Protein backbone atom coordinates (compact mmCIF):
# COMPACT_ATOMS: atom_id res chain seq x y z
CA UNK A 1 245.69 6.90 9.23
CA UNK A 2 248.76 4.78 9.76
CA UNK A 3 252.26 4.38 8.36
CA UNK A 4 252.20 1.76 5.63
CA UNK A 5 255.88 1.95 4.74
CA UNK A 6 259.04 3.69 5.93
CA UNK A 7 261.38 4.55 3.05
CA UNK A 8 264.94 5.77 2.68
CA UNK A 9 267.33 6.09 -0.25
CA UNK A 10 270.98 6.37 -1.15
CA UNK A 11 272.44 9.09 -3.34
CA UNK A 12 272.05 8.11 -6.99
CA UNK A 13 274.09 9.61 -9.82
CA UNK A 14 272.03 11.03 -12.69
CA UNK A 15 272.68 13.11 -15.81
CA UNK A 16 270.54 16.19 -16.42
CA UNK A 17 271.09 18.55 -19.38
CA UNK A 18 274.56 17.11 -19.83
CA UNK A 19 275.50 17.70 -16.20
CA UNK A 20 276.25 14.96 -13.70
CA UNK A 21 274.17 15.34 -10.52
CA UNK A 22 273.00 13.30 -7.55
CA UNK A 23 269.52 12.70 -6.18
CA UNK A 24 267.98 11.06 -3.13
CA UNK A 25 264.56 10.53 -4.73
CA UNK A 26 265.11 6.80 -5.32
CA UNK A 27 263.69 5.65 -1.99
CA UNK A 28 262.76 2.09 -1.07
CA UNK A 29 260.99 0.43 1.89
CA UNK A 30 263.11 -0.39 4.91
CA UNK A 31 262.49 -2.54 7.96
CA UNK A 32 264.48 -0.34 10.32
CA UNK A 33 262.83 2.47 12.33
CA UNK A 34 263.11 5.95 10.84
CA UNK A 35 264.46 8.60 13.18
CA UNK A 36 262.82 11.95 12.47
CA UNK A 37 265.32 14.66 13.30
CA UNK A 38 264.77 18.41 13.30
CA UNK A 39 265.95 18.96 9.74
CA UNK A 40 266.03 15.51 8.14
CA UNK A 41 265.37 11.82 8.43
CA UNK A 42 268.45 10.12 9.92
CA UNK A 43 270.35 7.86 7.48
CA UNK A 44 268.38 9.22 4.50
CA UNK A 45 270.12 10.89 1.56
CA UNK A 46 269.52 14.50 0.54
CA UNK A 47 271.36 15.71 -2.54
CA UNK A 48 270.33 19.37 -2.55
CA UNK A 49 269.72 20.95 0.84
CA UNK A 50 268.37 24.11 -0.84
CA UNK A 51 265.16 22.32 -1.85
CA UNK A 52 264.96 19.29 0.46
CA UNK A 53 265.43 18.88 4.17
CA UNK A 54 265.51 21.74 6.64
CA UNK A 55 262.96 22.88 9.19
CA UNK A 56 259.93 22.94 6.88
CA UNK A 57 260.88 19.92 4.74
CA UNK A 58 262.34 17.54 7.28
CA UNK A 59 260.27 14.56 6.14
CA UNK A 60 257.91 13.88 3.23
CA UNK A 61 254.58 12.02 3.50
CA UNK A 62 252.61 10.58 0.57
CA UNK A 63 249.30 8.73 0.54
CA UNK A 64 248.81 5.15 -0.61
CA UNK A 65 245.44 6.28 -2.06
CA UNK A 66 247.14 7.82 -5.09
CA UNK A 67 249.27 4.84 -6.10
CA UNK A 68 246.54 3.10 -8.19
CA UNK A 69 246.06 6.24 -10.28
CA UNK A 70 249.76 6.57 -11.05
CA UNK A 71 250.26 2.85 -11.63
CA UNK A 72 247.67 3.03 -14.42
CA UNK A 73 249.47 5.98 -16.01
CA UNK A 74 252.93 4.40 -15.69
CA UNK A 75 252.32 0.62 -15.78
CA UNK A 76 255.79 -0.30 -17.00
CA UNK A 77 257.66 0.97 -13.95
CA UNK A 78 258.88 -1.30 -11.17
CA UNK A 79 256.46 -0.22 -8.44
CA UNK A 80 257.02 -0.20 -4.69
CA UNK A 81 256.36 2.21 -1.83
CA UNK A 82 258.63 5.26 -1.88
CA UNK A 83 258.15 5.87 -5.63
CA UNK A 84 257.45 9.56 -5.07
CA UNK A 85 260.49 10.04 -2.86
CA UNK A 86 258.39 9.92 0.29
CA UNK A 87 259.91 8.89 3.59
CA UNK A 88 256.54 7.79 4.93
CA UNK A 89 253.82 6.18 2.84
CA UNK A 90 250.65 6.86 4.83
CA UNK A 91 247.48 4.80 4.50
CA UNK A 92 244.33 6.91 4.25
CA UNK A 93 246.02 10.31 4.06
CA UNK A 94 243.72 12.86 2.39
CA UNK A 95 245.09 16.24 1.30
CA UNK A 96 241.56 17.68 1.07
CA UNK A 97 241.15 17.23 4.84
CA UNK A 98 244.63 17.71 6.25
CA UNK A 99 245.33 21.34 7.12
CA UNK A 100 248.58 23.25 6.96
CA UNK A 101 249.47 23.54 10.64
CA UNK A 102 247.80 20.34 11.87
CA UNK A 103 249.87 18.62 14.55
CA UNK A 104 250.19 14.83 14.57
CA UNK A 105 251.79 12.16 16.69
CA UNK A 106 253.60 9.56 14.57
CA UNK A 107 255.40 6.90 16.57
CA UNK A 108 257.31 8.80 19.25
CA UNK A 109 257.63 11.92 17.08
CA UNK A 110 255.45 15.03 17.16
CA UNK A 111 255.12 16.72 13.78
CA UNK A 112 253.32 19.59 12.06
CA UNK A 113 252.09 19.76 8.47
CA UNK A 114 254.11 22.54 6.83
CA UNK A 115 253.55 22.55 3.06
CA UNK A 116 252.76 20.43 -0.01
CA UNK A 117 255.43 18.95 -2.24
CA UNK A 118 256.18 20.96 -5.38
CA UNK A 119 257.49 18.64 -8.10
CA UNK A 120 260.88 19.17 -9.75
CA UNK A 121 262.76 17.50 -12.60
CA UNK A 122 264.03 14.75 -10.31
CA UNK A 123 260.51 13.33 -10.04
CA UNK A 124 260.62 13.19 -13.84
CA UNK A 125 263.93 11.32 -13.64
CA UNK A 126 262.39 8.75 -11.32
CA UNK A 127 259.40 8.23 -13.61
CA UNK A 128 261.37 8.39 -16.83
CA UNK A 129 259.35 11.32 -18.16
CA UNK A 130 259.29 15.03 -17.38
CA UNK A 131 255.64 14.98 -18.44
CA UNK A 132 254.79 13.80 -14.93
CA UNK A 133 255.47 17.27 -13.53
CA UNK A 134 252.51 18.72 -15.42
CA UNK A 135 250.41 15.64 -14.63
CA UNK A 136 251.32 15.81 -10.92
CA UNK A 137 250.22 19.45 -10.71
CA UNK A 138 246.98 18.78 -12.58
CA UNK A 139 246.17 15.75 -10.42
CA UNK A 140 246.48 17.96 -7.36
CA UNK A 141 247.34 15.51 -4.59
CA UNK A 142 250.96 16.28 -3.74
CA UNK A 143 251.55 14.73 -0.33
CA UNK A 144 252.91 16.89 2.48
CA UNK A 145 256.13 17.91 4.15
CA UNK A 146 256.29 18.07 7.93
CA UNK A 147 258.13 20.08 10.53
CA UNK A 148 259.50 18.02 13.42
CA UNK A 149 258.33 19.50 16.72
CA UNK A 150 259.65 16.59 18.78
CA UNK A 151 262.21 14.17 17.40
CA UNK A 152 261.32 10.49 17.53
CA UNK A 153 261.20 7.09 15.86
CA UNK A 154 258.64 5.82 13.38
CA UNK A 155 258.05 2.25 12.20
CA UNK A 156 255.61 0.73 9.73
CA UNK A 157 252.22 0.27 11.37
CA UNK A 158 252.48 3.33 13.61
CA UNK A 159 249.25 5.31 13.77
CA UNK A 160 249.15 8.93 12.56
CA UNK A 161 247.16 10.58 15.34
CA UNK A 162 245.80 14.12 15.13
CA UNK A 163 246.86 15.95 18.31
CA UNK A 164 245.71 19.45 17.41
CA UNK A 165 243.86 20.66 14.34
CA UNK A 166 245.05 23.96 12.91
CA UNK A 167 242.80 26.94 13.64
CA UNK A 168 243.56 28.04 10.09
CA UNK A 169 241.28 26.13 7.68
CA UNK A 170 243.76 26.00 4.75
CA UNK A 171 244.17 22.42 3.51
CA UNK A 172 247.21 20.95 1.79
CA UNK A 173 245.28 20.58 -1.48
CA UNK A 174 243.94 24.14 -1.35
CA UNK A 175 247.41 25.57 -0.89
CA UNK A 176 248.87 23.40 -3.64
CA UNK A 177 246.19 24.55 -6.07
CA UNK A 178 246.75 28.17 -5.00
CA UNK A 179 250.45 27.96 -5.82
CA UNK A 180 249.80 27.01 -9.44
CA UNK A 181 246.60 28.97 -10.09
CA UNK A 182 246.92 31.87 -12.53
CA UNK A 183 244.09 33.64 -10.79
CA UNK A 184 244.61 33.46 -7.03
CA UNK A 185 241.44 33.04 -4.98
CA UNK A 186 241.57 35.93 -2.51
CA UNK A 187 239.99 34.07 0.39
CA UNK A 188 242.45 31.18 0.05
CA UNK A 189 245.29 33.64 -0.44
CA UNK A 190 244.52 35.37 2.84
CA UNK A 191 244.33 32.04 4.66
CA UNK A 192 247.79 31.17 3.35
CA UNK A 193 249.35 34.50 4.26
CA UNK A 194 247.91 34.29 7.78
CA UNK A 195 249.05 30.69 8.30
CA UNK A 196 252.13 30.75 10.53
CA UNK A 197 252.87 27.07 9.89
CA UNK A 198 253.90 27.94 6.32
CA UNK A 199 257.48 29.12 5.71
CA UNK A 200 257.61 32.91 5.96
CA UNK A 201 259.26 33.35 2.55
CA UNK A 202 256.32 31.60 0.88
CA UNK A 203 253.80 33.82 2.63
CA UNK A 204 255.77 36.94 1.70
CA UNK A 205 255.84 35.91 -1.99
CA UNK A 206 252.08 35.49 -2.00
CA UNK A 207 251.39 39.01 -0.72
CA UNK A 208 251.94 40.47 -4.17
CA UNK A 209 248.76 38.72 -5.36
CA UNK A 210 246.50 40.46 -2.85
């Protein structure tokens, strides 16, 4: 795997249900290095710190592998890397193989996979249709947020090197599917609850399904 594109965005004003809001989802490729800080990407815009940024959502990764699928579904959009609001577009990233808790070296930064992206209405704003939320969940390849273990710089072309595989076998895709499944698979559920790389509040919420 390697970084195909580094992306940042400025706050953009939007209207949602008659209310004026801001979003940072409109990200575009940049030629400057991205600095991965403990709770955010330096110089990037975050409109709502309750749902973006912070320890477990400091930076968002999305795979180039999924772009062809979405381009076919939404051919009339002006396509470029960063369409999903990702800070790093990663070539060859596979959510069926990447585990929650895996530790990677990206550029000079050391990061840990923390959780999948859960789509909200702002993704629908970017794509011009709220239908994409349902489609995104059904497609099942959500990209991944990372925790920054060691701050550092990342540029396009940097390799994404696995430093330590998680002892817990839960993959990003498995956890994403678990979140939206009506019937929770008990084996997967236990893996999630025992995975310390996941935010504690998420693991606590899942205990009621045991």
